[in-house]
N, C-alpha and C. Protein backbone atom coordinates (compact mmCIF):
# COMPACT_ATOMS: atom_id res chain seq x y z
N MET A 1 -11.87 36.90 -2.69
CA MET A 1 -11.33 36.29 -1.53
C MET A 1 -9.85 35.83 -1.76
N SER A 2 -9.23 35.98 -0.58
CA SER A 2 -8.00 35.55 -0.68
C SER A 2 -7.33 34.19 -0.76
N LYS A 3 -6.24 33.85 -1.47
CA LYS A 3 -5.72 32.54 -1.17
C LYS A 3 -5.70 31.87 -0.04
N ASN A 4 -5.34 32.41 1.14
CA ASN A 4 -5.20 31.98 2.35
C ASN A 4 -6.65 31.68 2.90
N VAL A 5 -7.84 32.40 2.60
CA VAL A 5 -8.97 32.28 2.96
C VAL A 5 -9.57 31.13 2.32
N LYS A 6 -9.31 30.82 0.91
CA LYS A 6 -9.83 29.72 0.12
C LYS A 6 -9.11 28.46 0.74
N HIS A 7 -7.82 28.58 0.79
CA HIS A 7 -7.25 27.35 1.50
C HIS A 7 -7.82 26.89 2.65
N LEU A 8 -8.15 27.76 3.59
CA LEU A 8 -8.60 27.27 4.96
C LEU A 8 -10.15 26.93 4.77
N LEU A 9 -10.98 27.54 3.88
CA LEU A 9 -12.27 26.90 3.46
C LEU A 9 -12.08 25.58 3.02
N GLU A 10 -11.09 25.32 1.92
CA GLU A 10 -10.83 23.76 1.35
C GLU A 10 -10.70 22.88 2.34
N ASN A 11 -9.81 23.41 3.42
CA ASN A 11 -9.40 22.51 4.42
C ASN A 11 -11.01 22.00 5.29
N MET A 12 -11.39 23.07 5.73
CA MET A 12 -12.62 22.78 6.50
C MET A 12 -13.57 21.91 5.48
N PHE A 13 -13.93 22.02 4.41
CA PHE A 13 -14.62 21.26 3.39
C PHE A 13 -14.16 19.91 3.28
N HIS A 14 -13.11 19.68 3.22
CA HIS A 14 -12.37 18.36 3.12
C HIS A 14 -12.24 17.69 4.48
N THR A 15 -12.41 18.44 5.69
CA THR A 15 -12.52 17.81 6.79
C THR A 15 -14.00 17.19 6.96
N GLY A 16 -14.95 18.06 6.54
CA GLY A 16 -16.29 17.34 6.36
C GLY A 16 -16.60 16.31 5.42
N THR A 17 -15.89 16.25 4.49
CA THR A 17 -15.98 15.26 3.42
C THR A 17 -15.35 13.73 4.00
N VAL A 18 -14.37 13.95 4.70
CA VAL A 18 -13.65 12.63 5.38
C VAL A 18 -14.39 12.35 6.44
N ASN A 19 -15.16 13.14 7.14
CA ASN A 19 -15.86 12.58 8.54
C ASN A 19 -17.31 13.60 8.40
N PRO A 20 -18.33 13.14 8.04
CA PRO A 20 -19.55 13.90 7.96
C PRO A 20 -19.82 14.44 9.39
N ASN A 21 -19.44 13.75 10.58
CA ASN A 21 -19.74 14.41 11.72
C ASN A 21 -19.04 15.66 12.02
N ASN A 22 -17.86 16.03 11.21
CA ASN A 22 -17.03 17.23 11.30
C ASN A 22 -17.46 18.30 10.28
N LYS A 23 -18.49 18.17 9.56
CA LYS A 23 -19.01 18.99 8.74
C LYS A 23 -19.18 20.21 9.16
N PHE A 24 -18.61 21.39 8.30
CA PHE A 24 -18.84 22.73 8.58
C PHE A 24 -19.94 23.45 7.86
N SER A 25 -20.75 24.21 8.66
CA SER A 25 -21.71 24.92 7.91
C SER A 25 -21.14 26.25 7.37
N ALA A 26 -21.79 27.19 6.52
CA ALA A 26 -20.93 28.35 6.07
C ALA A 26 -20.79 29.11 7.29
N GLN A 27 -21.89 29.21 8.18
CA GLN A 27 -21.81 30.07 9.31
C GLN A 27 -20.58 29.66 10.07
N GLN A 28 -20.31 28.08 10.47
CA GLN A 28 -19.24 27.76 11.17
C GLN A 28 -18.08 28.09 10.63
N MET A 29 -17.90 27.93 9.12
CA MET A 29 -16.47 28.11 8.54
C MET A 29 -16.43 29.73 8.86
N ARG A 30 -17.36 30.70 8.86
CA ARG A 30 -17.27 32.17 9.02
C ARG A 30 -16.59 32.27 10.32
N GLU A 31 -17.29 31.69 11.33
CA GLU A 31 -16.84 31.75 12.95
C GLU A 31 -15.43 31.32 13.03
N GLU A 32 -15.06 30.29 12.19
CA GLU A 32 -13.60 29.88 12.39
C GLU A 32 -12.54 30.92 11.96
N LEU A 33 -13.16 31.74 10.72
CA LEU A 33 -12.11 32.45 10.16
C LEU A 33 -12.12 33.86 10.91
N VAL A 34 -13.30 33.97 11.53
CA VAL A 34 -13.22 35.22 12.70
C VAL A 34 -12.33 34.86 13.76
N TRP A 35 -12.28 33.59 14.21
CA TRP A 35 -11.47 33.45 15.30
C TRP A 35 -10.02 33.42 14.98
N ARG A 36 -9.74 33.33 13.74
CA ARG A 36 -8.28 33.31 13.33
C ARG A 36 -7.88 34.70 13.17
N VAL A 37 -8.90 35.70 12.98
CA VAL A 37 -8.51 36.95 13.12
C VAL A 37 -8.09 37.49 14.38
N GLN A 38 -8.80 36.94 15.53
CA GLN A 38 -8.63 37.37 16.77
C GLN A 38 -7.31 36.87 17.22
N PHE A 39 -6.57 35.63 16.59
CA PHE A 39 -5.30 35.53 16.71
C PHE A 39 -4.23 35.87 15.81
N GLY A 40 -4.57 36.93 15.15
CA GLY A 40 -3.68 37.38 14.08
C GLY A 40 -3.28 36.59 12.95
N GLU A 41 -4.10 35.48 12.61
CA GLU A 41 -3.74 34.86 11.28
C GLU A 41 -4.37 35.42 10.15
N LEU A 42 -5.38 36.12 10.39
CA LEU A 42 -6.09 36.59 9.21
C LEU A 42 -6.49 38.10 9.41
N ASP A 43 -6.60 39.00 8.37
CA ASP A 43 -6.95 40.33 8.70
C ASP A 43 -8.53 40.29 8.39
N GLU A 44 -9.23 41.09 9.19
CA GLU A 44 -10.84 41.23 9.38
C GLU A 44 -11.35 41.52 7.87
N ASN A 45 -10.74 42.32 6.99
CA ASN A 45 -11.06 42.65 5.95
C ASN A 45 -11.18 41.57 4.88
N ASP A 46 -10.53 40.21 5.28
CA ASP A 46 -10.33 39.13 4.30
C ASP A 46 -11.61 38.25 4.70
N ILE A 47 -12.47 38.45 5.66
CA ILE A 47 -13.29 37.66 5.97
C ILE A 47 -14.63 37.81 5.28
N PRO A 48 -14.95 36.86 4.36
CA PRO A 48 -16.15 36.92 3.53
C PRO A 48 -17.57 36.81 4.27
N LYS A 49 -18.61 37.31 3.61
CA LYS A 49 -19.93 37.25 4.39
C LYS A 49 -20.31 35.67 4.22
N THR A 50 -21.36 35.45 5.26
CA THR A 50 -21.81 33.95 5.41
C THR A 50 -22.23 33.47 3.83
N SER A 51 -23.19 34.51 3.14
CA SER A 51 -23.67 34.13 1.98
C SER A 51 -22.51 33.86 0.92
N THR A 52 -21.29 34.58 0.92
CA THR A 52 -20.42 34.48 0.07
C THR A 52 -19.67 33.04 0.20
N ILE A 53 -19.55 32.70 1.48
CA ILE A 53 -19.07 31.35 1.86
C ILE A 53 -20.26 30.17 1.36
N GLN A 54 -21.31 30.44 1.48
CA GLN A 54 -22.42 29.50 1.11
C GLN A 54 -22.14 29.29 -0.56
N ASN A 55 -22.15 30.29 -1.31
CA ASN A 55 -21.87 30.26 -2.75
C ASN A 55 -20.54 29.52 -3.11
N TRP A 56 -19.74 29.89 -2.27
CA TRP A 56 -18.25 29.34 -2.49
C TRP A 56 -18.49 27.63 -2.24
N ILE A 57 -19.20 27.20 -1.30
CA ILE A 57 -19.39 25.84 -0.86
C ILE A 57 -20.09 25.18 -2.06
N ALA A 58 -21.17 25.82 -2.61
CA ALA A 58 -21.87 25.16 -3.64
C ALA A 58 -20.95 25.09 -5.00
N SER A 59 -20.24 26.16 -5.28
CA SER A 59 -19.34 25.96 -6.51
C SER A 59 -18.27 25.06 -6.24
N PHE A 60 -17.62 25.04 -5.15
CA PHE A 60 -16.30 24.03 -4.69
C PHE A 60 -16.96 22.49 -4.98
N SER A 61 -18.06 22.49 -4.23
CA SER A 61 -18.62 21.10 -4.17
C SER A 61 -18.94 20.61 -5.66
N ARG A 62 -19.53 21.28 -6.57
CA ARG A 62 -19.60 21.03 -7.76
C ARG A 62 -18.51 20.69 -8.54
N LYS A 63 -17.37 21.37 -8.33
CA LYS A 63 -15.96 21.00 -9.03
C LYS A 63 -15.49 19.88 -8.26
N TRP A 64 -15.64 19.65 -7.11
CA TRP A 64 -15.02 18.49 -6.35
C TRP A 64 -15.64 17.22 -6.94
N LYS A 65 -17.23 17.18 -7.11
CA LYS A 65 -17.60 16.17 -7.50
C LYS A 65 -17.29 15.74 -8.86
N LYS A 66 -17.33 16.73 -9.59
CA LYS A 66 -16.56 16.58 -11.14
C LYS A 66 -15.32 16.00 -11.08
N ALA A 67 -14.63 16.38 -10.40
CA ALA A 67 -13.04 15.84 -10.42
C ALA A 67 -13.07 14.47 -9.97
N MET A 68 -13.77 14.29 -8.89
CA MET A 68 -14.04 12.73 -8.34
C MET A 68 -14.62 11.83 -9.44
N ALA A 69 -15.51 12.34 -10.22
CA ALA A 69 -16.22 11.76 -11.08
C ALA A 69 -15.08 11.36 -12.23
N ILE A 70 -14.39 12.31 -12.78
CA ILE A 70 -13.47 12.21 -13.86
C ILE A 70 -12.41 11.15 -13.39
N ARG A 71 -11.99 11.10 -12.13
CA ARG A 71 -10.86 10.41 -11.80
C ARG A 71 -11.40 8.80 -11.27
N LYS A 72 -12.61 8.73 -11.05
CA LYS A 72 -13.21 7.34 -11.03
C LYS A 72 -13.23 6.70 -12.58
N LEU A 73 -13.62 7.66 -13.46
CA LEU A 73 -13.79 7.12 -14.65
C LEU A 73 -12.28 6.84 -15.46
N GLU A 74 -11.50 7.59 -15.24
CA GLU A 74 -10.13 7.33 -15.48
C GLU A 74 -9.52 5.96 -14.93
N ALA A 75 -9.75 5.93 -13.68
CA ALA A 75 -9.35 4.58 -12.93
C ALA A 75 -9.85 3.48 -13.46
N ARG A 76 -11.23 3.55 -14.00
CA ARG A 76 -12.04 2.09 -14.56
C ARG A 76 -11.30 2.20 -15.95
N GLU A 77 -11.01 3.19 -16.72
CA GLU A 77 -10.48 3.09 -18.12
C GLU A 77 -9.07 2.20 -17.67
N ASN A 78 -8.18 2.78 -16.99
CA ASN A 78 -6.89 2.17 -16.74
C ASN A 78 -6.90 0.75 -16.31
N VAL A 79 -7.90 0.35 -15.72
CA VAL A 79 -8.20 -1.18 -15.31
C VAL A 79 -8.51 -1.86 -16.60
N ARG A 80 -9.44 -1.21 -17.51
CA ARG A 80 -9.69 -2.10 -18.46
C ARG A 80 -8.66 -2.26 -19.50
N THR A 81 -7.70 -1.14 -19.75
CA THR A 81 -6.47 -1.32 -20.55
C THR A 81 -5.33 -1.94 -19.92
N ALA A 82 -5.40 -2.20 -18.64
CA ALA A 82 -4.38 -3.10 -18.24
C ALA A 82 -4.14 -4.41 -18.48
């Protein structure tokens, strides 16, 4: 998966994180990428399958939750040591 596609998927993921009413499904993410092909922003060969996007969402979500948990723990530790 290209860096550009990953960047776009991350933006869509975070849009849904900020506002659950704007949460994208894997199919909706793929449709957004296909739309960008039509406007020349992406190459058709760069568009992953819906199942690949589903796997990416699961993996990215796990990493995101872990990063946020670590951040929260570090913030609590900083408050205690201050």
